C-alpha atoms as a PDB file:
ATOM      1  CA  MET A   1     130.365  32.716 198.755  1.00  0.00           C
ATOM      2  CA  ASN A   2     127.400  30.586 197.662  1.00  0.00           C
ATOM      3  CA  LEU A   3     127.151  28.810 194.235  1.00  0.00           C
ATOM      4  CA  ALA A   4     124.974  31.586 192.662  1.00  0.00           C
ATOM      5  CA  GLN A   5     127.702  34.131 193.325  1.00  0.00           C
ATOM      6  CA  TYR A   6     130.236  32.076 191.344  1.00  0.00           C
ATOM      7  CA  GLU A   7     128.440  32.675 188.066  1.00  0.00           C
ATOM      8  CA  ASN A   8     129.459  36.343 188.146  1.00  0.00           C
ATOM      9  CA  TYR A   9     132.752  35.867 189.890  1.00  0.00           C
ATOM     10  CA  PRO A  10     135.423  37.421 187.609  1.00  0.00           C
ATOM     11  CA  ILE A  11     138.552  35.435 187.050  1.00  0.00           C
ATOM     12  CA  ASP A  12     141.587  37.681 187.169  1.00  0.00           C
ATOM     13  CA  SER A  13     143.840  35.726 184.800  1.00  0.00           C
ATOM     14  CA  LYS A  14     146.606  38.299 185.105  1.00  0.00           C
ATOM     15  CA  ALA A  15     146.758  37.717 188.866  1.00  0.00           C
ATOM     16  CA  ILE A  16     146.463  33.920 188.547  1.00  0.00           C
ATOM     17  CA  ALA A  17     149.139  33.424 185.844  1.00  0.00           C
ATOM     18  CA  PRO A  18     152.171  34.146 188.001  1.00  0.00           C
ATOM     19  CA  ILE A  19     150.797  32.057 190.916  1.00  0.00           C
ATOM     20  CA  TRP A  20     150.089  29.138 188.521  1.00  0.00           C
ATOM     21  CA  ASP A  21     153.558  29.506 186.894  1.00  0.00           C
ATOM     22  CA  ASP A  22     155.236  29.361 190.312  1.00  0.00           C
ATOM     23  CA  LEU A  23     153.196  26.374 191.372  1.00  0.00           C
ATOM     24  CA  ARG A  24     153.893  24.577 188.152  1.00  0.00           C
ATOM     25  CA  ASN A  25     157.620  25.263 188.356  1.00  0.00           C
ATOM     26  CA  ARG A  26     157.964  24.259 192.048  1.00  0.00           C
ATOM     27  CA  LEU A  27     155.861  21.124 191.918  1.00  0.00           C
ATOM     28  CA  GLY A  28     155.692  20.132 188.302  1.00  0.00           C
ATOM     29  CA  LEU A  29     151.946  20.328 188.764  1.00  0.00           C
ATOM     30  CA  SER A  30     150.411  19.996 185.285  1.00  0.00           C
ATOM     31  CA  PRO A  31     148.815  17.428 183.023  1.00  0.00           C
ATOM     32  CA  ILE A  32     151.203  14.512 182.365  1.00  0.00           C
ATOM     33  CA  HIS A  33     152.357  14.046 178.761  1.00  0.00           C
ATOM     34  CA  ASN A  34     155.342  11.638 179.186  1.00  0.00           C
ATOM     35  CA  LYS A  35     157.010   9.157 181.455  1.00  0.00           C
ATOM     36  CA  ALA A  36     159.403  11.701 182.935  1.00  0.00           C
ATOM     37  CA  GLN A  37     156.478  13.870 183.988  1.00  0.00           C
ATOM     38  CA  LEU A  38     154.664  10.832 185.359  1.00  0.00           C
ATOM     39  CA  LYS A  39     157.741   9.896 187.407  1.00  0.00           C
ATOM     40  CA  GLN A  40     157.953  13.403 188.781  1.00  0.00           C
ATOM     41  CA  MET A  41     154.181  13.464 189.677  1.00  0.00           C
ATOM     42  CA  VAL A  42     154.430  10.059 191.346  1.00  0.00           C
ATOM     43  CA  GLN A  43     157.339  11.416 193.437  1.00  0.00           C
ATOM     44  CA  LEU A  44     155.171  14.383 194.360  1.00  0.00           C
ATOM     45  CA  MET A  45     152.327  12.097 195.333  1.00  0.00           C
ATOM     46  CA  ASN A  46     154.553   9.912 197.476  1.00  0.00           C
ATOM     47  CA  SER A  47     155.817  13.004 199.306  1.00  0.00           C
ATOM     48  CA  LEU A  48     152.277  14.142 199.857  1.00  0.00           C
ATOM     49  CA  VAL A  49     151.200  10.663 201.081  1.00  0.00           C
ATOM     50  CA  ASP A  50     154.115  10.679 203.575  1.00  0.00           C
ATOM     51  CA  GLU A  51     153.055  14.175 204.830  1.00  0.00           C
ATOM     52  CA  VAL A  52     149.215  13.852 204.700  1.00  0.00           C
ATOM     53  CA  GLY A  53     148.850  10.173 205.580  1.00  0.00           C
ATOM     54  CA  GLY A  54     145.089   9.545 206.095  1.00  0.00           C
ATOM     55  CA  ASN A  55     144.304  12.958 207.566  1.00  0.00           C
ATOM     56  CA  GLU A  56     141.533  14.339 205.335  1.00  0.00           C
ATOM     57  CA  LYS A  57     141.743  17.668 207.195  1.00  0.00           C
ATOM     58  CA  HIS A  58     145.423  18.206 206.508  1.00  0.00           C
ATOM     59  CA  PRO A  59     146.065  21.417 204.546  1.00  0.00           C
ATOM     60  CA  LEU A  60     147.631  19.383 201.632  1.00  0.00           C
ATOM     61  CA  ALA A  61     144.908  16.784 201.434  1.00  0.00           C
ATOM     62  CA  ASP A  62     143.149  18.455 198.492  1.00  0.00           C
ATOM     63  CA  LEU A  63     146.490  18.764 196.652  1.00  0.00           C
ATOM     64  CA  LEU A  64     147.074  15.042 197.196  1.00  0.00           C
ATOM     65  CA  GLU A  65     143.668  14.289 195.695  1.00  0.00           C
ATOM     66  CA  ILE A  66     144.400  16.562 192.665  1.00  0.00           C
ATOM     67  CA  VAL A  67     147.743  14.959 192.043  1.00  0.00           C
ATOM     68  CA  GLY A  68     146.192  11.500 192.377  1.00  0.00           C
ATOM     69  CA  ASP A  69     143.528  12.507 189.827  1.00  0.00           C
ATOM     70  CA  ILE A  70     146.224  13.819 187.394  1.00  0.00           C
ATOM     71  CA  ILE A  71     148.078  10.479 187.605  1.00  0.00           C
ATOM     72  CA  ALA A  72     144.806   8.533 187.157  1.00  0.00           C
ATOM     73  CA  VAL A  73     143.921  10.409 183.954  1.00  0.00           C
ATOM     74  CA  TYR A  74     147.423   9.644 182.478  1.00  0.00           C
ATOM     75  CA  GLU A  75     147.145   5.959 183.561  1.00  0.00           C
ATOM     76  CA  ASP A  76     143.681   5.608 182.152  1.00  0.00           C
ATOM     77  CA  ARG A  77     144.889   6.969 178.815  1.00  0.00           C
ATOM     78  CA  HIS A  78     148.173   5.054 178.589  1.00  0.00           C
ATOM     79  CA  HIS A  79     147.816   1.943 180.737  1.00  0.00           C
ATOM     80  CA  PRO A  80     144.107   1.115 180.917  1.00  0.00           C
ATOM     81  CA  ILE A  81     143.486  -1.744 183.361  1.00  0.00           C
ATOM     82  CA  ALA A  82     139.809  -2.545 183.675  1.00  0.00           C
ATOM     83  CA  ASP A  83     138.943  -3.334 187.311  1.00  0.00           C
ATOM     84  CA  ALA A  84     141.858  -5.660 187.776  1.00  0.00           C
ATOM     85  CA  GLU A  85     142.789  -7.205 191.129  1.00  0.00           C
ATOM     86  CA  PRO A  86     146.070  -5.720 192.453  1.00  0.00           C
ATOM     87  CA  ARG A  87     147.792  -9.101 191.929  1.00  0.00           C
ATOM     88  CA  GLU A  88     146.740  -9.109 188.265  1.00  0.00           C
ATOM     89  CA  VAL A  89     148.003  -5.593 187.856  1.00  0.00           C
ATOM     90  CA  LEU A  90     151.390  -6.749 189.286  1.00  0.00           C
ATOM     91  CA  ARG A  91     151.430  -9.761 187.062  1.00  0.00           C
ATOM     92  CA  LEU A  92     150.782  -7.708 183.982  1.00  0.00           C
ATOM     93  CA  LEU A  93     153.542  -5.206 184.871  1.00  0.00           C
ATOM     94  CA  MET A  94     155.874  -8.041 185.618  1.00  0.00           C
ATOM     95  CA  GLU A  95     155.194  -9.516 182.104  1.00  0.00           C
ATOM     96  CA  GLU A  96     155.527  -6.171 180.410  1.00  0.00           C
ATOM     97  CA  ASN A  97     158.856  -5.614 182.088  1.00  0.00           C
ATOM     98  CA  ASN A  98     160.195  -9.173 181.776  1.00  0.00           C
ATOM     99  CA  LEU A  99     160.532  -9.586 185.485  1.00  0.00           C
ATOM    100  CA  GLN A 100     160.611 -12.700 187.583  1.00  0.00           C
ATOM    101  CA  GLN A 101     159.443 -12.978 191.198  1.00  0.00           C
ATOM    102  CA  LYS A 102     163.021 -12.778 192.433  1.00  0.00           C
ATOM    103  CA  ASP A 103     163.314  -9.376 190.772  1.00  0.00           C
ATOM    104  CA  LEU A 104     160.813  -7.815 193.185  1.00  0.00           C
ATOM    105  CA  ALA A 105     162.599  -8.697 196.346  1.00  0.00           C
ATOM    106  CA  THR A 106     163.356  -5.067 197.148  1.00  0.00           C
ATOM    107  CA  GLU A 107     159.709  -4.004 196.774  1.00  0.00           C
ATOM    108  CA  LEU A 108     157.932  -7.076 198.132  1.00  0.00           C
ATOM    109  CA  GLY A 109     160.224  -9.307 200.081  1.00  0.00           C
ATOM    110  CA  SER A 110     161.301 -12.861 199.468  1.00  0.00           C
ATOM    111  CA  GLN A 111     160.331 -14.803 196.424  1.00  0.00           C
ATOM    112  CA  SER A 112     157.829 -16.698 198.541  1.00  0.00           C
ATOM    113  CA  VAL A 113     156.070 -13.454 199.491  1.00  0.00           C
ATOM    114  CA  VAL A 114     155.773 -12.510 195.800  1.00  0.00           C
ATOM    115  CA  SER A 115     154.434 -15.985 195.094  1.00  0.00           C
ATOM    116  CA  GLU A 116     151.819 -15.705 197.807  1.00  0.00           C
ATOM    117  CA  ILE A 117     150.755 -12.256 196.461  1.00  0.00           C
ATOM    118  CA  LEU A 118     150.466 -13.564 192.910  1.00  0.00           C
ATOM    119  CA  SER A 119     148.471 -16.585 194.048  1.00  0.00           C
ATOM    120  CA  GLY A 120     146.091 -14.490 196.077  1.00  0.00           C
ATOM    121  CA  LYS A 121     147.162 -15.871 199.458  1.00  0.00           C
ATOM    122  CA  ARG A 122     148.520 -12.510 200.562  1.00  0.00           C
ATOM    123  CA  THR A 123     147.642  -8.929 199.790  1.00  0.00           C
ATOM    124  CA  ILE A 124     149.926  -6.062 198.999  1.00  0.00           C
ATOM    125  CA  ASN A 125     150.364  -3.684 201.919  1.00  0.00           C
ATOM    126  CA  ALA A 126     150.725   0.108 201.751  1.00  0.00           C
ATOM    127  CA  ARG A 127     154.514   0.075 201.940  1.00  0.00           C
ATOM    128  CA  GLN A 128     154.766  -2.497 199.165  1.00  0.00           C
ATOM    129  CA  ALA A 129     152.211  -0.572 197.074  1.00  0.00           C
ATOM    130  CA  LYS A 130     154.345   2.555 197.338  1.00  0.00           C
ATOM    131  CA  ALA A 131     157.495   0.776 196.435  1.00  0.00           C
ATOM    132  CA  LEU A 132     155.845  -0.902 193.390  1.00  0.00           C
ATOM    133  CA  ALA A 133     154.335   2.460 192.327  1.00  0.00           C
ATOM    134  CA  ALA A 134     157.807   3.991 192.336  1.00  0.00           C
ATOM    135  CA  ARG A 135     159.369   1.093 190.377  1.00  0.00           C
ATOM    136  CA  PHE A 136     156.627   1.015 187.756  1.00  0.00           C
ATOM    137  CA  ALA A 137     155.781   4.760 187.763  1.00  0.00           C
ATOM    138  CA  VAL A 138     152.059   4.151 188.458  1.00  0.00           C
ATOM    139  CA  SER A 139     149.666   5.154 191.237  1.00  0.00           C
ATOM    140  CA  PRO A 140     149.954   3.083 194.483  1.00  0.00           C
ATOM    141  CA  GLY A 141     146.236   2.740 194.135  1.00  0.00           C
ATOM    142  CA  ALA A 142     146.777   0.185 191.307  1.00  0.00           C
ATOM    143  CA  PHE A 143     148.076  -2.229 194.018  1.00  0.00           C
ATOM    144  CA  LEU A 144     145.637  -1.549 196.782  1.00  0.00           C
END
């Protein structure tokens, strides 16, 4: 179908509704309105990242992008961070949650690793970003 054909393409909402309802119920795929939904959507994204990896041709790659976009919309509305460096995002989240460097050992490693990240001597890797995203219920992209 070319773009001109989409103008007259009828949407069969009666056929779409049960499919959408099933998808929403199975995946929790919907706009995010609270922290519980955010946590569920981040879990879905993490599962998709594990499955899809960097394969843009994977059958679930588009779904991963959609889920990432849904999370980004929520984060932009509730936790706006204007072009911050990942270490600054981490520093802000640590302050908001009253955390010290030692409190992030599980996600990042030793206190010296956390210190190096916060000082800019070390960057956050993908595994650490995923762990931090799960802890703070944000997108891993905030740390990469």
